[in-house]
């Protein structure tokens, strides 16, 4: 029996077309914010819909829920994410480059943040999207998280369970990943294996 007789090309094409998304499905914004304006900038976002935080300071990385950065002068990177979107910050001298990906319909922010809308420059682009998970380091022992490969790491995930995974959505074009939207944390179960969920 020929392998080609077993392949349902119509089904394959339908699956690829079903996972497409574009400007009507997704907001993609970017720009730059002065270090002195960072807190004012962050307060304009729907932070309740993006409850998870990863703050990367000069000396440590902190996983938290519902916080703002404690020491902006030492902040190198930040990520605020959840079902309401994914806001990524990266220090660039005395400013922070930022990128947001989230639900369609989110408008530009008030203020001088150099906001650019991805879709204004790329209205014809469509992405293929799929969901994935990644198992995070560490295992809960008592009240804390331990990982013998990085014994000095301060693992403190804002989620419950013995092992934790990060859920995220991938947006690719022509076989290359263009954007990733962190959605949240969930308890890892042995059957998950970080598999792709279309």
N, C-alpha and C. Protein backbone atom coordinates (compact mmCIF):
# COMPACT_ATOMS: atom_id res chain seq x y z
N UNK A 1 0.84 -1.18 0.00
CA UNK A 1 0.00 0.00 0.00
C UNK A 1 0.88 1.24 0.00
N UNK A 2 0.56 2.20 -0.81
CA UNK A 2 1.34 3.41 -0.95
C UNK A 2 1.09 4.34 0.24
N UNK A 3 2.16 4.98 0.70
CA UNK A 3 2.05 5.96 1.79
C UNK A 3 1.14 7.12 1.38
N UNK A 4 1.19 7.52 0.12
CA UNK A 4 0.42 8.67 -0.34
C UNK A 4 -1.08 8.45 -0.25
N UNK A 5 -1.52 7.21 -0.30
CA UNK A 5 -2.95 6.94 -0.18
C UNK A 5 -3.45 7.18 1.25
N UNK A 6 -2.53 7.15 2.21
CA UNK A 6 -2.91 7.32 3.61
C UNK A 6 -2.93 8.78 4.05
N UNK A 7 -2.36 9.66 3.27
CA UNK A 7 -2.29 11.07 3.63
C UNK A 7 -3.55 11.78 3.13
N UNK A 8 -4.21 12.48 4.05
CA UNK A 8 -5.42 13.24 3.71
C UNK A 8 -5.00 14.70 3.52
N UNK A 9 -4.67 15.06 2.28
CA UNK A 9 -4.17 16.40 2.01
C UNK A 9 -5.22 17.47 2.29
N UNK A 10 -6.46 17.20 2.03
CA UNK A 10 -7.52 18.18 2.32
C UNK A 10 -7.56 18.49 3.81
N UNK A 11 -7.44 17.45 4.63
CA UNK A 11 -7.43 17.65 6.07
C UNK A 11 -6.22 18.49 6.49
N UNK A 12 -5.07 18.21 5.88
CA UNK A 12 -3.86 18.97 6.21
C UNK A 12 -4.02 20.45 5.85
N UNK A 13 -4.56 20.71 4.67
CA UNK A 13 -4.77 22.10 4.23
C UNK A 13 -5.78 22.79 5.14
N UNK A 14 -6.85 22.09 5.51
CA UNK A 14 -7.85 22.67 6.41
C UNK A 14 -7.24 23.04 7.75
N UNK A 15 -6.37 22.18 8.29
CA UNK A 15 -5.73 22.45 9.58
C UNK A 15 -4.81 23.65 9.50
N UNK A 16 -4.04 23.77 8.40
CA UNK A 16 -3.15 24.92 8.23
C UNK A 16 -3.96 26.20 8.12
N UNK A 17 -5.03 26.19 7.36
CA UNK A 17 -5.85 27.38 7.19
C UNK A 17 -6.58 27.76 8.47
N UNK A 18 -6.97 26.79 9.26
CA UNK A 18 -7.70 27.03 10.51
C UNK A 18 -6.82 27.77 11.53
N UNK A 19 -5.52 27.54 11.48
CA UNK A 19 -4.64 28.14 12.48
C UNK A 19 -4.09 29.50 12.05
N UNK A 20 -4.56 30.05 10.96
CA UNK A 20 -4.07 31.36 10.50
C UNK A 20 -4.67 32.49 11.33
N UNK A 21 -3.87 33.54 11.49
CA UNK A 21 -4.39 34.74 12.16
C UNK A 21 -3.68 35.95 11.59
N UNK A 22 -4.34 37.09 11.72
CA UNK A 22 -3.82 38.34 11.19
C UNK A 22 -4.28 39.52 12.01
N UNK A 23 -4.35 40.71 11.41
CA UNK A 23 -4.69 41.93 12.15
C UNK A 23 -6.02 41.88 12.88
N UNK A 24 -6.97 41.12 12.37
CA UNK A 24 -8.28 41.07 13.02
C UNK A 24 -8.28 40.14 14.24
N UNK A 25 -7.19 39.40 14.44
CA UNK A 25 -7.11 38.45 15.55
C UNK A 25 -6.12 38.83 16.64
N UNK A 26 -5.23 39.77 16.35
CA UNK A 26 -4.08 39.98 17.21
C UNK A 26 -3.61 41.42 17.20
N UNK A 27 -3.23 41.95 18.36
CA UNK A 27 -2.59 43.26 18.47
C UNK A 27 -1.11 43.04 18.68
N UNK A 28 -0.30 43.74 17.90
CA UNK A 28 1.16 43.70 18.08
C UNK A 28 1.66 45.13 18.07
N UNK A 29 2.18 45.58 19.20
CA UNK A 29 2.67 46.94 19.34
C UNK A 29 4.10 46.90 19.87
N UNK A 30 4.85 47.98 19.63
CA UNK A 30 6.19 48.09 20.16
C UNK A 30 6.60 49.54 20.26
N UNK A 31 7.68 49.78 20.99
CA UNK A 31 8.17 51.15 21.12
C UNK A 31 9.26 51.23 22.16
N UNK A 32 9.41 52.42 22.74
CA UNK A 32 10.43 52.64 23.74
C UNK A 32 9.89 53.58 24.82
N UNK A 33 10.26 53.27 26.05
CA UNK A 33 9.81 54.05 27.21
C UNK A 33 11.02 54.48 28.02
N UNK A 34 11.07 55.74 28.40
CA UNK A 34 12.16 56.23 29.24
C UNK A 34 12.10 55.54 30.60
N UNK A 35 13.24 55.28 31.18
CA UNK A 35 13.30 54.63 32.50
C UNK A 35 12.47 55.41 33.52
N UNK A 36 12.53 56.72 33.48
CA UNK A 36 11.82 57.56 34.44
C UNK A 36 10.30 57.47 34.29
N UNK A 37 9.81 57.03 33.14
CA UNK A 37 8.37 56.94 32.89
C UNK A 37 7.84 55.51 32.98
N UNK A 38 8.67 54.55 33.39
CA UNK A 38 8.28 53.15 33.32
C UNK A 38 7.03 52.83 34.13
N UNK A 39 6.95 53.29 35.37
CA UNK A 39 5.78 52.97 36.19
C UNK A 39 4.50 53.57 35.59
N UNK A 40 4.58 54.81 35.11
CA UNK A 40 3.43 55.45 34.47
C UNK A 40 3.02 54.67 33.21
N UNK A 41 4.00 54.20 32.47
CA UNK A 41 3.75 53.40 31.28
C UNK A 41 3.05 52.09 31.63
N UNK A 42 3.53 51.40 32.65
CA UNK A 42 2.97 50.11 33.04
C UNK A 42 1.53 50.24 33.54
N UNK A 43 1.23 51.34 34.22
CA UNK A 43 -0.11 51.53 34.79
C UNK A 43 -1.18 51.72 33.71
N UNK A 44 -0.80 51.97 32.47
CA UNK A 44 -1.79 52.14 31.39
C UNK A 44 -2.30 50.81 30.85
N UNK A 45 -1.63 49.72 31.18
CA UNK A 45 -2.02 48.40 30.67
C UNK A 45 -3.04 47.75 31.59
N UNK A 46 -3.78 46.80 31.07
CA UNK A 46 -4.73 46.02 31.88
C UNK A 46 -3.93 44.96 32.63
N UNK A 47 -3.31 45.36 33.72
CA UNK A 47 -2.42 44.46 34.45
C UNK A 47 -3.15 43.31 35.12
N UNK A 48 -4.44 43.49 35.42
CA UNK A 48 -5.22 42.40 36.02
C UNK A 48 -5.36 41.22 35.06
N UNK A 49 -5.39 41.51 33.75
CA UNK A 49 -5.51 40.45 32.75
C UNK A 49 -4.15 39.83 32.41
N UNK A 50 -3.08 40.43 32.94
CA UNK A 50 -1.72 39.91 32.76
C UNK A 50 -1.08 39.81 34.14
N UNK A 51 -1.48 38.84 34.96
CA UNK A 51 -1.06 38.81 36.36
C UNK A 51 0.36 38.30 36.63
N UNK A 52 0.97 37.61 35.68
CA UNK A 52 2.27 36.97 35.95
C UNK A 52 3.42 37.89 35.57
N UNK A 53 4.49 37.83 36.38
CA UNK A 53 5.64 38.70 36.18
C UNK A 53 6.94 37.90 36.25
N UNK A 54 7.87 38.27 35.39
CA UNK A 54 9.24 37.81 35.49
C UNK A 54 10.09 39.06 35.43
N UNK A 55 10.74 39.41 36.56
CA UNK A 55 11.60 40.58 36.63
C UNK A 55 13.04 40.10 36.68
N UNK A 56 13.84 40.54 35.71
CA UNK A 56 15.25 40.18 35.67
C UNK A 56 16.07 41.39 36.07
N UNK A 57 16.58 41.33 37.29
CA UNK A 57 17.42 42.41 37.81
C UNK A 57 18.88 42.07 37.55
N UNK A 58 19.77 43.00 37.83
CA UNK A 58 21.19 42.77 37.64
C UNK A 58 21.66 41.55 38.43
N UNK A 59 21.11 41.33 39.60
CA UNK A 59 21.60 40.27 40.49
C UNK A 59 20.69 39.06 40.64
N UNK A 60 19.45 39.11 40.15
CA UNK A 60 18.53 37.99 40.33
C UNK A 60 17.37 38.06 39.35
N UNK A 61 16.72 36.92 39.19
CA UNK A 61 15.50 36.82 38.39
C UNK A 61 14.39 36.44 39.35
N UNK A 62 13.26 37.16 39.29
CA UNK A 62 12.18 36.96 40.23
C UNK A 62 10.90 36.62 39.48
N UNK A 63 10.25 35.54 39.87
CA UNK A 63 8.93 35.17 39.34
C UNK A 63 7.90 35.62 40.36
N UNK A 64 6.94 36.44 39.94
CA UNK A 64 5.96 36.97 40.89
C UNK A 64 4.58 37.04 40.23
N UNK A 65 3.63 37.44 41.04
CA UNK A 65 2.27 37.63 40.54
C UNK A 65 1.76 38.97 41.03
N UNK A 66 1.29 39.80 40.10
CA UNK A 66 0.66 41.06 40.44
C UNK A 66 1.56 42.14 40.99
N UNK A 67 2.85 42.13 40.67
CA UNK A 67 3.76 43.14 41.22
C UNK A 67 4.24 44.10 40.14
N UNK A 68 4.86 45.18 40.58
CA UNK A 68 5.59 46.09 39.70
C UNK A 68 7.07 45.97 40.08
N UNK A 69 7.99 46.38 39.22
CA UNK A 69 9.41 46.24 39.56
C UNK A 69 9.77 47.01 40.82
N UNK A 70 10.59 46.40 41.66
CA UNK A 70 10.97 47.00 42.93
C UNK A 70 12.11 48.00 42.80
N UNK A 71 13.03 47.76 41.88
CA UNK A 71 14.16 48.66 41.71
C UNK A 71 14.42 48.85 40.21
N UNK A 72 13.84 49.88 39.64
CA UNK A 72 13.91 50.10 38.20
C UNK A 72 15.35 50.35 37.75
N UNK A 73 16.16 50.97 38.59
CA UNK A 73 17.55 51.25 38.22
C UNK A 73 18.34 49.96 37.98
N UNK A 74 17.95 48.86 38.63
CA UNK A 74 18.65 47.58 38.48
C UNK A 74 17.93 46.61 37.54
N UNK A 75 16.79 47.03 37.01
CA UNK A 75 16.01 46.15 36.13
C UNK A 75 16.64 46.08 34.74
N UNK A 76 16.87 44.86 34.27
CA UNK A 76 17.40 44.64 32.92
C UNK A 76 16.30 44.25 31.95
N UNK A 77 15.40 43.36 32.41
CA UNK A 77 14.30 42.89 31.57
C UNK A 77 13.08 42.64 32.43
N UNK A 78 11.94 42.67 31.80
CA UNK A 78 10.70 42.33 32.49
C UNK A 78 9.73 41.70 31.52
N UNK A 79 8.86 40.88 32.07
CA UNK A 79 7.81 40.26 31.25
C UNK A 79 6.56 40.19 32.09
N UNK A 80 5.48 40.79 31.59
CA UNK A 80 4.18 40.81 32.24
C UNK A 80 3.24 40.08 31.30
N UNK A 81 2.60 39.01 31.78
CA UNK A 81 1.83 38.22 30.82
C UNK A 81 0.65 37.51 31.46
N UNK A 82 -0.22 37.05 30.60
CA UNK A 82 -1.41 36.31 30.99
C UNK A 82 -2.32 36.21 29.78
N UNK A 83 -3.57 35.84 30.02
CA UNK A 83 -4.52 35.70 28.92
C UNK A 83 -4.82 37.04 28.25
N UNK A 84 -4.56 38.16 28.95
CA UNK A 84 -4.83 39.48 28.39
C UNK A 84 -3.71 40.04 27.53
N UNK A 85 -2.59 39.31 27.42
CA UNK A 85 -1.49 39.77 26.58
C UNK A 85 -0.15 39.46 27.18
N UNK A 86 0.90 39.87 26.48
CA UNK A 86 2.28 39.60 26.88
C UNK A 86 3.09 40.86 26.57
N UNK A 87 3.52 41.55 27.63
CA UNK A 87 4.30 42.78 27.51
C UNK A 87 5.74 42.48 27.91
N UNK A 88 6.66 42.66 26.99
CA UNK A 88 8.06 42.37 27.24
C UNK A 88 8.85 43.68 27.27
N UNK A 89 9.74 43.82 28.26
CA UNK A 89 10.59 45.00 28.41
C UNK A 89 12.05 44.57 28.34
N UNK A 90 12.88 45.41 27.72
CA UNK A 90 14.31 45.13 27.66
C UNK A 90 15.07 46.45 27.74
N UNK A 91 15.99 46.54 28.70
CA UNK A 91 16.73 47.78 28.90
C UNK A 91 17.56 48.12 27.67
N UNK A 92 17.57 49.41 27.34
CA UNK A 92 18.40 49.95 26.27
C UNK A 92 18.95 51.28 26.78
N UNK A 93 20.04 51.22 27.53
CA UNK A 93 20.62 52.42 28.14
C UNK A 93 19.71 52.94 29.24
N UNK A 94 19.24 54.17 29.07
CA UNK A 94 18.35 54.78 30.08
C UNK A 94 16.88 54.66 29.68
N UNK A 95 16.59 53.71 28.81
CA UNK A 95 15.20 53.50 28.36
C UNK A 95 14.94 52.00 28.30
N UNK A 96 13.68 51.66 28.03
CA UNK A 96 13.29 50.26 27.86
C UNK A 96 12.59 50.11 26.52
N UNK A 97 13.11 49.21 25.68
CA UNK A 97 12.39 48.83 24.49
C UNK A 97 11.26 47.91 24.95
N UNK A 98 10.10 48.05 24.34
CA UNK A 98 8.97 47.21 24.76
C UNK A 98 8.27 46.64 23.54
N UNK A 99 7.63 45.49 23.76
CA UNK A 99 6.84 44.83 22.73
C UNK A 99 5.64 44.19 23.40
N UNK A 100 4.48 44.37 22.80
CA UNK A 100 3.25 43.79 23.34
C UNK A 100 2.59 42.96 22.25
N UNK A 101 2.12 41.78 22.64
CA UNK A 101 1.29 40.96 21.76
C UNK A 101 0.10 40.50 22.58
N UNK A 102 -1.09 40.65 22.00
CA UNK A 102 -2.29 40.30 22.76
C UNK A 102 -3.53 40.28 21.88
N UNK A 103 -4.69 40.28 22.52
CA UNK A 103 -5.95 40.21 21.77
C UNK A 103 -6.12 41.40 20.83
N UNK A 104 -6.87 41.21 19.78
CA UNK A 104 -7.15 42.28 18.82
C UNK A 104 -7.93 43.41 19.51
N UNK A 105 -7.72 44.63 19.01
CA UNK A 105 -8.51 45.76 19.50
C UNK A 105 -7.84 46.62 20.54
N UNK A 106 -6.66 46.27 21.00
CA UNK A 106 -5.97 47.09 22.00
C UNK A 106 -5.32 48.28 21.29
N UNK A 107 -5.56 49.46 21.78
CA UNK A 107 -5.12 50.69 21.13
C UNK A 107 -3.78 51.15 21.66
N UNK A 108 -3.19 52.09 20.93
CA UNK A 108 -1.93 52.70 21.34
C UNK A 108 -2.11 53.43 22.66
N UNK A 109 -1.02 53.58 23.38
CA UNK A 109 -1.05 54.21 24.69
C UNK A 109 -0.90 55.72 24.59
N UNK A 110 -1.44 56.40 25.59
CA UNK A 110 -1.26 57.85 25.69
C UNK A 110 0.15 58.11 26.22
N UNK A 111 0.86 59.02 25.61
CA UNK A 111 2.21 59.35 26.06
C UNK A 111 3.23 59.14 24.97
N UNK A 112 4.45 59.57 25.27
CA UNK A 112 5.54 59.50 24.29
C UNK A 112 6.31 58.20 24.48
N UNK A 113 5.77 57.12 23.91
CA UNK A 113 6.39 55.81 24.05
C UNK A 113 6.81 55.23 22.70
N UNK A 114 6.87 56.08 21.67
CA UNK A 114 7.30 55.64 20.35
C UNK A 114 6.49 54.47 19.81
N UNK A 115 5.21 54.44 20.14
CA UNK A 115 4.37 53.29 19.81
C UNK A 115 4.24 53.09 18.30
N UNK A 116 4.54 51.88 17.87
CA UNK A 116 4.37 51.48 16.48
C UNK A 116 3.48 50.25 16.44
N UNK A 117 2.54 50.26 15.50
CA UNK A 117 1.64 49.13 15.31
C UNK A 117 2.21 48.25 14.19
N UNK A 118 2.50 47.02 14.51
CA UNK A 118 3.09 46.08 13.54
C UNK A 118 2.25 45.99 12.27
N UNK A 119 0.93 45.99 12.41
CA UNK A 119 0.05 45.79 11.27
C UNK A 119 0.03 46.96 10.30
N UNK A 120 0.42 48.17 10.75
CA UNK A 120 0.48 49.30 9.83
C UNK A 120 1.56 49.10 8.78
N UNK A 121 2.66 48.47 9.16
CA UNK A 121 3.75 48.22 8.22
C UNK A 121 3.63 46.87 7.51
N UNK A 122 2.85 45.96 8.08
CA UNK A 122 2.74 44.60 7.53
C UNK A 122 1.28 44.14 7.47
N UNK A 123 0.40 44.87 6.77
CA UNK A 123 -1.02 44.51 6.77
C UNK A 123 -1.34 43.19 6.07
N UNK A 124 -0.45 42.74 5.21
CA UNK A 124 -0.72 41.52 4.44
C UNK A 124 -0.24 40.25 5.13
N UNK A 125 0.46 40.36 6.24
CA UNK A 125 1.05 39.19 6.91
C UNK A 125 -0.03 38.37 7.61
N UNK A 126 0.10 37.07 7.50
CA UNK A 126 -0.71 36.15 8.31
C UNK A 126 0.25 35.18 9.00
N UNK A 127 -0.10 34.82 10.20
CA UNK A 127 0.71 33.89 10.98
C UNK A 127 -0.03 32.57 11.13
N UNK A 128 0.72 31.52 11.35
CA UNK A 128 0.15 30.27 11.81
C UNK A 128 0.36 30.25 13.32
N UNK A 129 -0.63 29.79 14.05
CA UNK A 129 -0.53 29.80 15.51
C UNK A 129 -0.72 28.40 16.08
N UNK A 130 -0.03 28.15 17.18
CA UNK A 130 -0.20 26.89 17.89
C UNK A 130 0.22 27.09 19.33
N UNK A 131 -0.28 26.23 20.20
CA UNK A 131 0.00 26.31 21.63
C UNK A 131 1.04 25.28 22.02
N UNK A 132 1.90 25.66 22.97
CA UNK A 132 2.91 24.74 23.48
C UNK A 132 3.04 24.93 24.98
N UNK A 133 3.75 24.00 25.60
CA UNK A 133 4.10 24.12 27.01
C UNK A 133 5.57 23.80 27.18
N UNK A 134 6.16 24.35 28.23
CA UNK A 134 7.55 24.07 28.56
C UNK A 134 7.64 23.79 30.05
N UNK A 135 8.24 22.68 30.41
CA UNK A 135 8.44 22.32 31.81
C UNK A 135 9.52 23.21 32.40
N UNK A 136 9.22 23.86 33.53
CA UNK A 136 10.19 24.74 34.18
C UNK A 136 11.03 23.97 35.19
N UNK A 137 12.20 24.50 35.45
CA UNK A 137 13.10 23.87 36.41
C UNK A 137 12.48 23.90 37.80
N UNK A 138 12.82 22.92 38.59
CA UNK A 138 12.45 22.92 40.00
C UNK A 138 11.28 22.03 40.33
N UNK A 139 11.30 21.60 41.57
CA UNK A 139 10.24 20.76 42.10
C UNK A 139 9.89 21.28 43.48
N UNK A 140 8.60 21.31 43.79
CA UNK A 140 8.18 21.84 45.09
C UNK A 140 8.47 20.83 46.18
N UNK A 141 9.22 21.30 47.18
CA UNK A 141 9.52 20.51 48.38
C UNK A 141 9.14 21.35 49.58
N UNK A 142 8.07 20.98 50.25
CA UNK A 142 7.61 21.78 51.39
C UNK A 142 7.09 23.11 50.91
N UNK A 143 7.67 24.20 51.42
CA UNK A 143 7.21 25.54 51.04
C UNK A 143 7.98 26.17 49.90
N UNK A 144 9.06 25.51 49.44
CA UNK A 144 9.90 26.13 48.41
C UNK A 144 10.14 25.24 47.22
N UNK A 145 10.85 25.80 46.25
CA UNK A 145 11.20 25.09 45.02
C UNK A 145 12.69 24.79 45.05
N UNK A 146 13.07 23.58 44.67
CA UNK A 146 14.48 23.23 44.63
C UNK A 146 14.83 22.65 43.26
N UNK A 147 16.07 22.86 42.88
CA UNK A 147 16.61 22.31 41.64
C UNK A 147 18.10 22.11 41.85
N UNK A 148 18.54 20.86 41.90
CA UNK A 148 19.94 20.59 42.23
C UNK A 148 20.91 21.03 41.14
N UNK A 149 20.47 21.25 39.92
CA UNK A 149 21.38 21.72 38.86
C UNK A 149 21.67 23.20 38.99
N UNK A 150 20.82 23.94 39.66
CA UNK A 150 21.03 25.37 39.89
C UNK A 150 20.68 25.67 41.34
N UNK A 151 21.47 25.13 42.24
CA UNK A 151 21.15 25.18 43.67
C UNK A 151 20.97 26.60 44.21
N UNK A 152 21.66 27.56 43.64
CA UNK A 152 21.57 28.93 44.16
C UNK A 152 20.40 29.70 43.55
N UNK A 153 19.70 29.13 42.61
CA UNK A 153 18.59 29.85 41.96
C UNK A 153 17.44 30.07 42.93
N UNK A 154 16.82 31.24 42.83
CA UNK A 154 15.66 31.55 43.66
C UNK A 154 14.41 31.27 42.83
N UNK A 155 13.97 30.02 42.85
CA UNK A 155 12.78 29.64 42.10
C UNK A 155 11.57 29.86 42.99
N UNK A 156 10.65 30.67 42.53
CA UNK A 156 9.45 30.97 43.30
C UNK A 156 8.32 31.23 42.31
N UNK A 157 7.80 30.15 41.74
CA UNK A 157 6.79 30.30 40.71
C UNK A 157 5.44 30.66 41.32
N UNK A 158 4.70 31.58 40.68
CA UNK A 158 3.39 31.98 41.19
C UNK A 158 2.30 31.01 40.75
N UNK A 159 2.49 29.74 41.06
CA UNK A 159 1.51 28.71 40.70
C UNK A 159 1.68 27.55 41.67
N UNK A 160 0.70 26.67 41.69
CA UNK A 160 0.76 25.54 42.61
C UNK A 160 0.98 24.24 41.85
N UNK A 161 1.44 23.25 42.59
CA UNK A 161 1.69 21.94 42.01
C UNK A 161 3.10 21.50 42.32
N UNK A 162 3.38 20.24 42.09
CA UNK A 162 4.72 19.71 42.35
C UNK A 162 5.71 20.16 41.28
N UNK A 163 5.30 20.16 40.02
CA UNK A 163 6.10 20.67 38.90
C UNK A 163 5.23 21.66 38.13
N UNK A 164 5.86 22.66 37.53
CA UNK A 164 5.14 23.74 36.86
C UNK A 164 5.57 23.83 35.40
N UNK A 165 4.60 24.14 34.54
CA UNK A 165 4.90 24.36 33.14
C UNK A 165 4.42 25.74 32.72
N UNK A 166 5.09 26.30 31.74
CA UNK A 166 4.69 27.57 31.14
C UNK A 166 3.86 27.25 29.90
N UNK A 167 2.69 27.86 29.79
CA UNK A 167 1.85 27.72 28.61
C UNK A 167 2.08 28.94 27.73
N UNK A 168 2.28 28.70 26.43
CA UNK A 168 2.49 29.83 25.53
C UNK A 168 1.95 29.54 24.14
N UNK A 169 1.72 30.62 23.39
CA UNK A 169 1.20 30.53 22.04
C UNK A 169 2.27 31.05 21.08
N UNK A 170 2.51 30.30 20.02
CA UNK A 170 3.54 30.62 19.05
C UNK A 170 2.88 31.11 17.76
N UNK A 171 3.46 32.17 17.18
CA UNK A 171 2.99 32.72 15.92
C UNK A 171 4.16 32.66 14.94
N UNK A 172 3.99 31.87 13.88
CA UNK A 172 5.08 31.68 12.93
C UNK A 172 4.64 32.08 11.53
N UNK A 173 5.66 32.37 10.70
CA UNK A 173 5.42 32.74 9.31
C UNK A 173 6.54 32.13 8.48
N UNK A 174 6.16 31.43 7.43
CA UNK A 174 7.12 30.77 6.54
C UNK A 174 8.05 29.84 7.33
N UNK A 175 7.49 29.19 8.34
CA UNK A 175 8.26 28.23 9.12
C UNK A 175 9.16 28.82 10.19
N UNK A 176 9.12 30.14 10.38
CA UNK A 176 9.97 30.80 11.38
C UNK A 176 9.11 31.43 12.46
N UNK A 177 9.50 31.25 13.70
CA UNK A 177 8.76 31.86 14.82
C UNK A 177 8.99 33.37 14.79
N UNK A 178 7.89 34.12 14.78
CA UNK A 178 7.96 35.58 14.76
C UNK A 178 7.66 36.17 16.15
N UNK A 179 6.63 35.62 16.82
CA UNK A 179 6.22 36.13 18.12
C UNK A 179 5.81 34.98 19.02
N UNK A 180 5.98 35.19 20.33
CA UNK A 180 5.54 34.21 21.33
C UNK A 180 4.77 34.97 22.40
N UNK A 181 3.59 34.45 22.75
CA UNK A 181 2.73 35.06 23.77
C UNK A 181 2.68 34.11 24.95
N UNK A 182 3.33 34.49 26.06
CA UNK A 182 3.24 33.71 27.29
C UNK A 182 1.83 33.87 27.84
N UNK A 183 1.17 32.76 28.14
CA UNK A 183 -0.21 32.80 28.62
C UNK A 183 -0.32 32.61 30.13
N UNK A 184 0.52 31.77 30.71
CA UNK A 184 0.43 31.54 32.14
C UNK A 184 1.11 30.25 32.55
N UNK A 185 0.96 29.93 33.81
CA UNK A 185 1.55 28.72 34.38
C UNK A 185 0.44 27.72 34.69
N UNK A 186 0.80 26.47 34.69
CA UNK A 186 -0.13 25.44 35.14
C UNK A 186 0.68 24.27 35.68
N UNK A 187 0.01 23.41 36.40
CA UNK A 187 0.70 22.24 36.95
C UNK A 187 1.06 21.29 35.82
N UNK A 188 2.28 20.81 35.83
CA UNK A 188 2.74 19.86 34.81
C UNK A 188 2.33 18.46 35.23
N UNK A 189 1.83 17.74 34.27
CA UNK A 189 1.49 16.34 34.50
C UNK A 189 2.34 15.50 33.56
N UNK A 190 2.72 14.33 34.00
CA UNK A 190 3.67 13.53 33.23
C UNK A 190 3.22 13.29 31.81
N UNK A 191 1.93 13.29 31.56
CA UNK A 191 1.42 13.04 30.20
C UNK A 191 1.60 14.25 29.28
N UNK A 192 1.93 15.43 29.82
CA UNK A 192 2.02 16.64 29.00
C UNK A 192 3.22 16.63 28.06
N UNK A 193 4.40 16.30 28.54
CA UNK A 193 5.63 16.20 27.76
C UNK A 193 5.92 17.42 26.90
N UNK A 194 5.37 18.58 27.20
CA UNK A 194 5.63 19.77 26.42
C UNK A 194 5.19 19.68 24.98
N UNK A 195 4.17 18.88 24.73
CA UNK A 195 3.74 18.65 23.35
C UNK A 195 3.00 19.85 22.78
N UNK A 196 3.03 19.92 21.48
CA UNK A 196 2.36 20.99 20.76
C UNK A 196 0.87 20.70 20.68
N UNK A 197 0.07 21.72 20.92
CA UNK A 197 -1.40 21.61 20.83
C UNK A 197 -1.88 22.59 19.79
N UNK A 198 -2.30 22.12 18.66
CA UNK A 198 -2.79 23.02 17.61
C UNK A 198 -4.23 23.39 17.85
